[in-house]
Amino acid sequence: MATPDYLSSFEADGHTVWIRPIRPDDREREAAFVRGLSRESRYFRFHSALRELTPDMLERFVHNDYPDALALVAYLPGPAGDEQIGVARYVREGTGDTAEMAIVVADAWQGKGVGTHLLLALRDLAQAAGIRRLVANVLRENGRMQALARQLGYDVDGPSDDLRARRLGKPLEG
């Protein structure tokens, strides 16, 4: 199935932020985005001290395999090209109707609604793809992500494979 034709915008901190599915031509933007994250933000997202994406990760991250995997980017258009300020993705677990999701927002944009808008858009597109439950492994010390997840209706969903993390889950409507 083709990646959904999705485009939305919202206002944050005096700017219009756009959300759309990631594309192969986002390769350099995605790499620069991850390199530009603080060490803490990279650690919270990847659960490791990753400094930049490997070529294999980058290749996988910029290709959607909808309905089983989808990534959305939040960006600011600019004269030199789009500036990526966030990304959220889900990947279906096996052949079931549960998908694991992950999100990261540029440090300067955290706490301004970017994560909320990304997760709501991701939820809607996951639901349209037949996903009935979203889960996330969130490091225990990542209080900001746990608070956002609780605000959006996620609850503790059982043990995580990573003892440092909590597995949070949310059933989707329908």
N, C-alpha and C. Protein backbone atom coordinates (compact mmCIF):
# COMPACT_ATOMS: atom_id res chain seq x y z
N MET A 1 0.86 -1.18 0.00
CA MET A 1 0.00 0.00 0.00
C MET A 1 0.91 1.24 0.00
N ALA A 2 0.50 2.25 -0.70
CA ALA A 2 1.28 3.49 -0.81
C ALA A 2 1.21 4.28 0.49
N THR A 3 2.25 5.03 0.75
CA THR A 3 2.27 5.93 1.90
C THR A 3 1.10 6.89 1.78
N PRO A 4 0.39 7.14 2.86
CA PRO A 4 -0.76 8.04 2.78
C PRO A 4 -0.35 9.45 2.35
N ASP A 5 -1.23 10.08 1.62
CA ASP A 5 -1.03 11.47 1.21
C ASP A 5 -1.51 12.33 2.37
N TYR A 6 -0.59 12.74 3.22
CA TYR A 6 -0.95 13.43 4.45
C TYR A 6 -0.11 14.70 4.57
N LEU A 7 -0.78 15.80 4.92
CA LEU A 7 -0.11 17.06 5.17
C LEU A 7 -0.98 17.86 6.12
N SER A 8 -0.39 18.33 7.22
CA SER A 8 -1.14 19.17 8.15
C SER A 8 -0.19 20.22 8.71
N SER A 9 -0.78 21.23 9.33
CA SER A 9 0.04 22.28 9.94
C SER A 9 -0.61 22.75 11.22
N PHE A 10 0.20 23.38 12.04
CA PHE A 10 -0.27 23.97 13.28
C PHE A 10 0.68 25.10 13.65
N GLU A 11 0.25 25.94 14.56
CA GLU A 11 1.08 27.07 15.01
C GLU A 11 1.78 26.69 16.31
N ALA A 12 3.08 26.99 16.37
CA ALA A 12 3.85 26.75 17.59
C ALA A 12 4.92 27.83 17.70
N ASP A 13 4.96 28.49 18.81
CA ASP A 13 6.00 29.47 19.10
C ASP A 13 6.13 30.52 17.99
N GLY A 14 4.97 30.92 17.43
CA GLY A 14 4.96 31.95 16.40
C GLY A 14 5.33 31.47 15.00
N HIS A 15 5.43 30.18 14.80
CA HIS A 15 5.79 29.61 13.49
C HIS A 15 4.73 28.62 13.04
N THR A 16 4.59 28.46 11.73
CA THR A 16 3.75 27.41 11.19
C THR A 16 4.62 26.16 11.03
N VAL A 17 4.23 25.11 11.72
CA VAL A 17 4.93 23.83 11.66
C VAL A 17 4.10 22.89 10.80
N TRP A 18 4.76 22.20 9.90
CA TRP A 18 4.10 21.26 8.99
C TRP A 18 4.45 19.83 9.36
N ILE A 19 3.52 18.92 9.12
CA ILE A 19 3.73 17.49 9.34
C ILE A 19 3.39 16.75 8.06
N ARG A 20 4.28 15.85 7.66
CA ARG A 20 4.07 15.01 6.48
C ARG A 20 4.85 13.71 6.66
N PRO A 21 4.55 12.68 5.86
CA PRO A 21 5.35 11.45 5.92
C PRO A 21 6.79 11.72 5.48
N ILE A 22 7.71 11.01 6.08
CA ILE A 22 9.11 11.12 5.69
C ILE A 22 9.27 10.57 4.27
N ARG A 23 10.28 11.05 3.56
CA ARG A 23 10.54 10.61 2.17
C ARG A 23 12.03 10.30 2.03
N PRO A 24 12.39 9.52 1.00
CA PRO A 24 13.81 9.22 0.78
C PRO A 24 14.67 10.47 0.61
N ASP A 25 14.11 11.54 0.07
CA ASP A 25 14.92 12.76 -0.10
C ASP A 25 15.13 13.51 1.22
N ASP A 26 14.60 12.99 2.33
CA ASP A 26 14.84 13.55 3.66
C ASP A 26 16.10 12.99 4.30
N ARG A 27 16.83 12.15 3.59
CA ARG A 27 18.00 11.46 4.15
C ARG A 27 18.94 12.42 4.89
N GLU A 28 19.39 13.48 4.22
CA GLU A 28 20.33 14.40 4.85
C GLU A 28 19.68 15.19 5.99
N ARG A 29 18.41 15.57 5.83
CA ARG A 29 17.71 16.29 6.90
C ARG A 29 17.59 15.40 8.15
N GLU A 30 17.25 14.13 7.94
CA GLU A 30 17.11 13.20 9.06
C GLU A 30 18.46 13.01 9.77
N ALA A 31 19.53 12.82 9.00
CA ALA A 31 20.86 12.65 9.59
C ALA A 31 21.27 13.90 10.37
N ALA A 32 21.06 15.07 9.79
CA ALA A 32 21.41 16.33 10.46
C ALA A 32 20.56 16.55 11.71
N PHE A 33 19.29 16.19 11.61
CA PHE A 33 18.39 16.32 12.75
C PHE A 33 18.90 15.51 13.94
N VAL A 34 19.23 14.24 13.72
CA VAL A 34 19.70 13.38 14.80
C VAL A 34 21.03 13.89 15.35
N ARG A 35 21.95 14.31 14.47
CA ARG A 35 23.23 14.86 14.92
C ARG A 35 23.03 16.11 15.77
N GLY A 36 21.99 16.88 15.48
CA GLY A 36 21.73 18.13 16.19
C GLY A 36 21.04 17.98 17.52
N LEU A 37 20.58 16.78 17.83
CA LEU A 37 19.93 16.54 19.12
C LEU A 37 20.97 16.55 20.24
N SER A 38 20.55 16.96 21.42
CA SER A 38 21.44 16.88 22.57
C SER A 38 21.72 15.41 22.88
N ARG A 39 22.79 15.16 23.61
CA ARG A 39 23.14 13.79 24.00
C ARG A 39 21.97 13.15 24.76
N GLU A 40 21.33 13.93 25.66
CA GLU A 40 20.21 13.41 26.42
C GLU A 40 19.04 13.02 25.51
N SER A 41 18.70 13.87 24.54
CA SER A 41 17.58 13.57 23.64
C SER A 41 17.88 12.32 22.80
N ARG A 42 19.12 12.19 22.32
CA ARG A 42 19.48 10.98 21.57
C ARG A 42 19.39 9.74 22.47
N TYR A 43 19.85 9.88 23.70
CA TYR A 43 19.79 8.75 24.64
C TYR A 43 18.34 8.36 24.93
N PHE A 44 17.49 9.34 25.19
CA PHE A 44 16.09 9.04 25.46
C PHE A 44 15.41 8.38 24.26
N ARG A 45 15.77 8.78 23.05
CA ARG A 45 15.15 8.22 21.85
C ARG A 45 15.69 6.83 21.51
N PHE A 46 17.01 6.68 21.53
CA PHE A 46 17.63 5.43 21.06
C PHE A 46 18.09 4.51 22.19
N HIS A 47 17.95 4.94 23.44
CA HIS A 47 18.34 4.16 24.61
C HIS A 47 19.82 3.78 24.57
N SER A 48 20.62 4.61 23.92
CA SER A 48 22.06 4.39 23.84
C SER A 48 22.75 5.73 23.59
N ALA A 49 24.07 5.70 23.58
CA ALA A 49 24.85 6.92 23.37
C ALA A 49 25.11 7.17 21.88
N LEU A 50 24.21 6.74 21.05
CA LEU A 50 24.33 6.92 19.59
C LEU A 50 24.63 8.38 19.25
N ARG A 51 25.64 8.60 18.42
CA ARG A 51 25.97 9.98 18.01
C ARG A 51 25.31 10.34 16.69
N GLU A 52 25.24 9.36 15.80
CA GLU A 52 24.54 9.60 14.54
C GLU A 52 24.04 8.28 13.99
N LEU A 53 23.11 8.36 13.07
CA LEU A 53 22.50 7.16 12.50
C LEU A 53 23.51 6.45 11.60
N THR A 54 23.50 5.13 11.67
CA THR A 54 24.32 4.34 10.75
C THR A 54 23.69 4.44 9.37
N PRO A 55 24.45 4.14 8.30
CA PRO A 55 23.85 4.15 6.96
C PRO A 55 22.64 3.23 6.85
N ASP A 56 22.68 2.06 7.48
CA ASP A 56 21.54 1.14 7.44
C ASP A 56 20.32 1.72 8.15
N MET A 57 20.54 2.32 9.32
CA MET A 57 19.43 2.94 10.05
C MET A 57 18.83 4.07 9.23
N LEU A 58 19.68 4.89 8.67
CA LEU A 58 19.22 6.03 7.89
C LEU A 58 18.39 5.56 6.70
N GLU A 59 18.86 4.55 6.02
CA GLU A 59 18.12 4.01 4.87
C GLU A 59 16.75 3.50 5.31
N ARG A 60 16.71 2.76 6.41
CA ARG A 60 15.44 2.22 6.92
C ARG A 60 14.52 3.35 7.38
N PHE A 61 15.09 4.36 8.04
CA PHE A 61 14.27 5.43 8.62
C PHE A 61 13.61 6.33 7.58
N VAL A 62 14.17 6.48 6.39
CA VAL A 62 13.58 7.41 5.41
C VAL A 62 12.65 6.71 4.42
N HIS A 63 12.43 5.42 4.60
CA HIS A 63 11.50 4.69 3.74
C HIS A 63 10.33 4.17 4.58
N ASN A 64 9.14 4.52 4.16
CA ASN A 64 7.95 4.02 4.82
C ASN A 64 7.54 2.70 4.18
N ASP A 65 7.04 1.80 4.99
CA ASP A 65 6.52 0.52 4.51
C ASP A 65 5.07 0.41 4.98
N TYR A 66 4.30 1.42 4.60
CA TYR A 66 2.91 1.52 5.03
C TYR A 66 2.11 0.37 4.45
N PRO A 67 1.29 -0.29 5.21
CA PRO A 67 0.73 0.07 6.51
C PRO A 67 1.51 -0.46 7.72
N ASP A 68 2.62 -1.19 7.48
CA ASP A 68 3.35 -1.80 8.59
C ASP A 68 4.32 -0.86 9.29
N ALA A 69 4.75 0.18 8.63
CA ALA A 69 5.68 1.14 9.23
C ALA A 69 5.45 2.51 8.59
N LEU A 70 5.49 3.53 9.43
CA LEU A 70 5.28 4.89 8.94
C LEU A 70 6.03 5.86 9.85
N ALA A 71 6.68 6.83 9.23
CA ALA A 71 7.32 7.91 9.98
C ALA A 71 6.77 9.24 9.48
N LEU A 72 6.50 10.12 10.41
CA LEU A 72 6.05 11.48 10.10
C LEU A 72 7.11 12.45 10.59
N VAL A 73 7.37 13.48 9.80
CA VAL A 73 8.31 14.52 10.21
C VAL A 73 7.56 15.83 10.43
N ALA A 74 8.01 16.56 11.44
CA ALA A 74 7.55 17.93 11.66
C ALA A 74 8.68 18.82 11.16
N TYR A 75 8.31 19.85 10.40
CA TYR A 75 9.35 20.70 9.81
C TYR A 75 8.88 22.13 9.66
N LEU A 76 9.88 23.00 9.53
CA LEU A 76 9.67 24.42 9.23
C LEU A 76 10.19 24.66 7.83
N PRO A 77 9.35 25.17 6.92
CA PRO A 77 9.88 25.50 5.60
C PRO A 77 10.78 26.73 5.69
N GLY A 78 11.81 26.76 4.87
CA GLY A 78 12.71 27.91 4.87
C GLY A 78 13.35 28.09 3.51
N PRO A 79 13.96 29.22 3.27
CA PRO A 79 14.57 29.50 1.97
C PRO A 79 15.68 28.51 1.59
N ALA A 80 16.36 27.94 2.60
CA ALA A 80 17.42 26.97 2.31
C ALA A 80 16.90 25.54 2.34
N GLY A 81 15.59 25.36 2.44
CA GLY A 81 14.98 24.03 2.52
C GLY A 81 14.30 23.82 3.85
N ASP A 82 13.63 22.69 3.97
CA ASP A 82 12.91 22.39 5.20
C ASP A 82 13.87 22.10 6.34
N GLU A 83 13.53 22.58 7.55
CA GLU A 83 14.28 22.27 8.75
C GLU A 83 13.45 21.29 9.58
N GLN A 84 13.94 20.08 9.72
CA GLN A 84 13.23 19.06 10.49
C GLN A 84 13.36 19.38 11.97
N ILE A 85 12.22 19.35 12.68
CA ILE A 85 12.25 19.63 14.12
C ILE A 85 11.65 18.49 14.94
N GLY A 86 11.21 17.44 14.28
CA GLY A 86 10.67 16.30 15.01
C GLY A 86 10.37 15.15 14.08
N VAL A 87 10.31 13.96 14.66
CA VAL A 87 9.93 12.77 13.89
C VAL A 87 9.26 11.78 14.84
N ALA A 88 8.20 11.16 14.35
CA ALA A 88 7.50 10.11 15.09
C ALA A 88 7.28 8.96 14.12
N ARG A 89 7.42 7.75 14.62
CA ARG A 89 7.25 6.59 13.74
C ARG A 89 6.60 5.45 14.50
N TYR A 90 5.98 4.57 13.75
CA TYR A 90 5.52 3.31 14.32
C TYR A 90 5.98 2.19 13.41
N VAL A 91 6.14 1.01 14.02
CA VAL A 91 6.46 -0.21 13.28
C VAL A 91 5.59 -1.31 13.87
N ARG A 92 4.84 -1.98 13.00
CA ARG A 92 3.97 -3.07 13.44
C ARG A 92 4.81 -4.19 14.03
N GLU A 93 4.32 -4.74 15.14
CA GLU A 93 4.99 -5.88 15.77
C GLU A 93 4.49 -7.16 15.12
N GLY A 94 5.32 -7.82 14.34
CA GLY A 94 4.94 -9.07 13.68
C GLY A 94 3.78 -8.87 12.72
N THR A 95 2.83 -9.77 12.77
CA THR A 95 1.68 -9.69 11.87
C THR A 95 0.41 -9.26 12.61
N GLY A 96 0.57 -8.85 13.86
CA GLY A 96 -0.58 -8.48 14.67
C GLY A 96 -1.08 -7.07 14.43
N ASP A 97 -1.88 -6.60 15.38
CA ASP A 97 -2.48 -5.27 15.25
C ASP A 97 -1.90 -4.30 16.27
N THR A 98 -0.70 -4.61 16.79
CA THR A 98 0.00 -3.73 17.72
C THR A 98 1.24 -3.19 17.02
N ALA A 99 1.55 -1.93 17.28
CA ALA A 99 2.74 -1.31 16.70
C ALA A 99 3.50 -0.57 17.79
N GLU A 100 4.82 -0.63 17.71
CA GLU A 100 5.65 0.13 18.61
C GLU A 100 5.92 1.49 17.98
N MET A 101 5.79 2.53 18.79
CA MET A 101 6.03 3.88 18.27
C MET A 101 7.18 4.51 19.03
N ALA A 102 7.79 5.51 18.37
CA ALA A 102 8.87 6.27 18.97
C ALA A 102 8.78 7.70 18.45
N ILE A 103 9.29 8.62 19.24
CA ILE A 103 9.23 10.02 18.85
C ILE A 103 10.44 10.75 19.43
N VAL A 104 10.89 11.76 18.71
CA VAL A 104 11.90 12.67 19.24
C VAL A 104 11.65 14.04 18.62
N VAL A 105 11.81 15.06 19.45
CA VAL A 105 11.62 16.46 19.03
C VAL A 105 12.91 17.21 19.32
N ALA A 106 13.30 18.09 18.41
CA ALA A 106 14.50 18.91 18.60
C ALA A 106 14.42 19.61 19.95
N ASP A 107 15.55 19.69 20.62
CA ASP A 107 15.58 20.25 21.97
C ASP A 107 14.92 21.62 22.06
N ALA A 108 15.17 22.50 21.11
CA ALA A 108 14.62 23.85 21.15
C ALA A 108 13.10 23.87 20.97
N TRP A 109 12.52 22.77 20.50
CA TRP A 109 11.09 22.72 20.23
C TRP A 109 10.33 21.86 21.23
N GLN A 110 11.02 21.28 22.19
CA GLN A 110 10.34 20.46 23.20
C GLN A 110 9.46 21.33 24.07
N GLY A 111 8.29 20.80 24.43
CA GLY A 111 7.37 21.53 25.30
C GLY A 111 6.53 22.57 24.58
N LYS A 112 6.52 22.53 23.23
CA LYS A 112 5.78 23.53 22.46
C LYS A 112 4.65 22.92 21.62
N GLY A 113 4.32 21.67 21.88
CA GLY A 113 3.20 21.03 21.18
C GLY A 113 3.58 20.21 19.97
N VAL A 114 4.85 20.21 19.58
CA VAL A 114 5.26 19.46 18.40
C VAL A 114 5.04 17.97 18.61
N GLY A 115 5.47 17.45 19.77
CA GLY A 115 5.30 16.03 20.06
C GLY A 115 3.84 15.62 20.09
N THR A 116 3.01 16.44 20.70
CA THR A 116 1.58 16.13 20.76
C THR A 116 0.99 16.04 19.36
N HIS A 117 1.27 17.02 18.51
CA HIS A 117 0.72 17.00 17.15
C HIS A 117 1.24 15.81 16.35
N LEU A 118 2.52 15.50 16.48
CA LEU A 118 3.07 14.34 15.78
C LEU A 118 2.39 13.05 16.23
N LEU A 119 2.25 12.87 17.54
CA LEU A 119 1.66 11.63 18.04
C LEU A 119 0.19 11.50 17.68
N LEU A 120 -0.54 12.60 17.67
CA LEU A 120 -1.95 12.52 17.27
C LEU A 120 -2.10 12.16 15.80
N ALA A 121 -1.26 12.74 14.95
CA ALA A 121 -1.29 12.41 13.52
C ALA A 121 -0.87 10.95 13.31
N LEU A 122 0.17 10.52 14.01
CA LEU A 122 0.63 9.14 13.90
C LEU A 122 -0.46 8.17 14.34
N ARG A 123 -1.13 8.49 15.43
CA ARG A 123 -2.23 7.65 15.93
C ARG A 123 -3.31 7.50 14.87
N ASP A 124 -3.71 8.60 14.25
CA ASP A 124 -4.78 8.54 13.25
C ASP A 124 -4.38 7.70 12.04
N LEU A 125 -3.15 7.85 11.58
CA LEU A 125 -2.69 7.09 10.41
C LEU A 125 -2.46 5.63 10.77
N ALA A 126 -2.03 5.35 11.99
CA ALA A 126 -1.88 3.96 12.43
C ALA A 126 -3.24 3.28 12.49
N GLN A 127 -4.21 3.98 13.02
CA GLN A 127 -5.56 3.43 13.12
C GLN A 127 -6.11 3.14 11.73
N ALA A 128 -5.89 4.03 10.77
CA ALA A 128 -6.35 3.81 9.39
C ALA A 128 -5.65 2.61 8.76
N ALA A 129 -4.45 2.26 9.27
CA ALA A 129 -3.69 1.12 8.75
C ALA A 129 -4.06 -0.19 9.44
N GLY A 130 -5.04 -0.15 10.34
CA GLY A 130 -5.47 -1.36 11.02
C GLY A 130 -4.77 -1.63 12.34
N ILE A 131 -3.96 -0.69 12.80
CA ILE A 131 -3.31 -0.83 14.10
C ILE A 131 -4.36 -0.58 15.18
N ARG A 132 -4.42 -1.45 16.16
CA ARG A 132 -5.41 -1.32 17.24
C ARG A 132 -4.79 -0.96 18.58
N ARG A 133 -3.44 -1.04 18.66
CA ARG A 133 -2.77 -0.69 19.91
C ARG A 133 -1.39 -0.15 19.58
N LEU A 134 -1.06 1.01 20.17
CA LEU A 134 0.28 1.57 20.07
C LEU A 134 0.99 1.37 21.40
N VAL A 135 2.25 0.99 21.34
CA VAL A 135 3.06 0.82 22.54
C VAL A 135 4.36 1.59 22.36
N ALA A 136 4.99 1.92 23.48
CA ALA A 136 6.28 2.62 23.44
C ALA A 136 7.11 2.17 24.63
N ASN A 137 8.38 1.95 24.41
CA ASN A 137 9.33 1.68 25.49
C ASN A 137 10.00 2.99 25.84
N VAL A 138 9.70 3.51 27.02
CA VAL A 138 10.17 4.82 27.45
C VAL A 138 11.09 4.64 28.65
N LEU A 139 12.29 5.20 28.56
CA LEU A 139 13.22 5.10 29.69
C LEU A 139 12.59 5.68 30.94
N ARG A 140 12.82 5.04 32.06
CA ARG A 140 12.21 5.46 33.33
C ARG A 140 12.55 6.90 33.69
N GLU A 141 13.75 7.37 33.32
CA GLU A 141 14.15 8.74 33.67
C GLU A 141 13.62 9.78 32.68
N ASN A 142 12.93 9.35 31.64
CA ASN A 142 12.40 10.28 30.65
C ASN A 142 11.01 10.75 31.10
N GLY A 143 11.00 11.59 32.10
CA GLY A 143 9.75 12.07 32.68
C GLY A 143 8.90 12.87 31.72
N ARG A 144 9.53 13.64 30.85
CA ARG A 144 8.78 14.47 29.91
C ARG A 144 7.95 13.60 28.95
N MET A 145 8.56 12.52 28.44
CA MET A 145 7.83 11.63 27.52
C MET A 145 6.75 10.85 28.27
N GLN A 146 7.04 10.44 29.49
CA GLN A 146 6.02 9.74 30.26
C GLN A 146 4.82 10.65 30.53
N ALA A 147 5.08 11.91 30.82
CA ALA A 147 3.99 12.87 31.06
C ALA A 147 3.16 13.08 29.80
N LEU A 148 3.84 13.22 28.65
CA LEU A 148 3.11 13.39 27.38
C LEU A 148 2.27 12.15 27.10
N ALA A 149 2.85 10.98 27.29
CA ALA A 149 2.11 9.74 27.04
C ALA A 149 0.88 9.65 27.94
N ARG A 150 1.04 9.96 29.22
CA ARG A 150 -0.12 9.92 30.13
C ARG A 150 -1.19 10.92 29.68
N GLN A 151 -0.76 12.11 29.27
CA GLN A 151 -1.70 13.14 28.80
C GLN A 151 -2.50 12.64 27.60
N LEU A 152 -1.87 11.82 26.77
CA LEU A 152 -2.54 11.30 25.56
C LEU A 152 -3.23 9.95 25.79
N GLY A 153 -3.29 9.51 27.06
CA GLY A 153 -4.05 8.31 27.38
C GLY A 153 -3.28 7.01 27.39
N TYR A 154 -1.95 7.07 27.38
CA TYR A 154 -1.14 5.85 27.48
C TYR A 154 -1.04 5.43 28.94
N ASP A 155 -1.05 4.11 29.16
CA ASP A 155 -0.90 3.54 30.50
C ASP A 155 0.25 2.55 30.48
N VAL A 156 0.73 2.15 31.66
CA VAL A 156 1.74 1.11 31.73
C VAL A 156 1.15 -0.15 31.13
N ASP A 157 1.89 -0.77 30.21
CA ASP A 157 1.39 -1.89 29.40
C ASP A 157 2.17 -3.17 29.66
N GLY A 158 2.73 -3.30 30.85
CA GLY A 158 3.50 -4.49 31.15
C GLY A 158 4.98 -4.23 31.08
N PRO A 159 5.78 -5.27 31.35
CA PRO A 159 7.23 -5.08 31.40
C PRO A 159 7.82 -4.83 30.01
N SER A 160 8.87 -4.03 29.99
CA SER A 160 9.62 -3.76 28.77
C SER A 160 10.74 -4.79 28.66
N ASP A 161 11.19 -5.05 27.44
CA ASP A 161 12.36 -5.91 27.25
C ASP A 161 13.61 -5.25 27.83
N ASP A 162 13.59 -3.94 27.95
CA ASP A 162 14.70 -3.16 28.48
C ASP A 162 14.37 -2.83 29.94
N LEU A 163 15.15 -3.34 30.88
CA LEU A 163 14.86 -3.13 32.29
C LEU A 163 14.92 -1.66 32.70
N ARG A 164 15.57 -0.81 31.87
CA ARG A 164 15.64 0.62 32.16
C ARG A 164 14.38 1.36 31.73
N ALA A 165 13.48 0.66 31.04
CA ALA A 165 12.33 1.32 30.40
C ALA A 165 11.01 0.82 30.96
N ARG A 166 9.99 1.60 30.68
CA ARG A 166 8.60 1.21 30.93
C ARG A 166 7.94 1.01 29.58
N ARG A 167 7.10 0.01 29.47
CA ARG A 167 6.34 -0.20 28.24
C ARG A 167 4.98 0.46 28.48
N LEU A 168 4.69 1.47 27.67
CA LEU A 168 3.42 2.18 27.76
C LEU A 168 2.57 1.78 26.57
N GLY A 169 1.26 1.73 26.76
CA GLY A 169 0.38 1.33 25.66
C GLY A 169 -0.91 2.10 25.65
N LYS A 170 -1.53 2.10 24.46
CA LYS A 170 -2.81 2.80 24.30
C LYS A 170 -3.63 2.07 23.25
N PRO A 171 -4.85 1.63 23.61
CA PRO A 171 -5.71 1.06 22.57
C PRO A 171 -6.24 2.18 21.69
N LEU A 172 -6.40 1.88 20.41
CA LEU A 172 -6.95 2.84 19.48
C LEU A 172 -8.42 2.54 19.26
N GLU A 173 -9.18 3.57 19.00
CA GLU A 173 -10.63 3.42 18.80
C GLU A 173 -10.92 2.60 17.56
N GLY A 174 -12.12 2.03 17.51
CA GLY A 174 -12.56 1.35 16.30
C GLY A 174 -12.18 -0.07 16.30
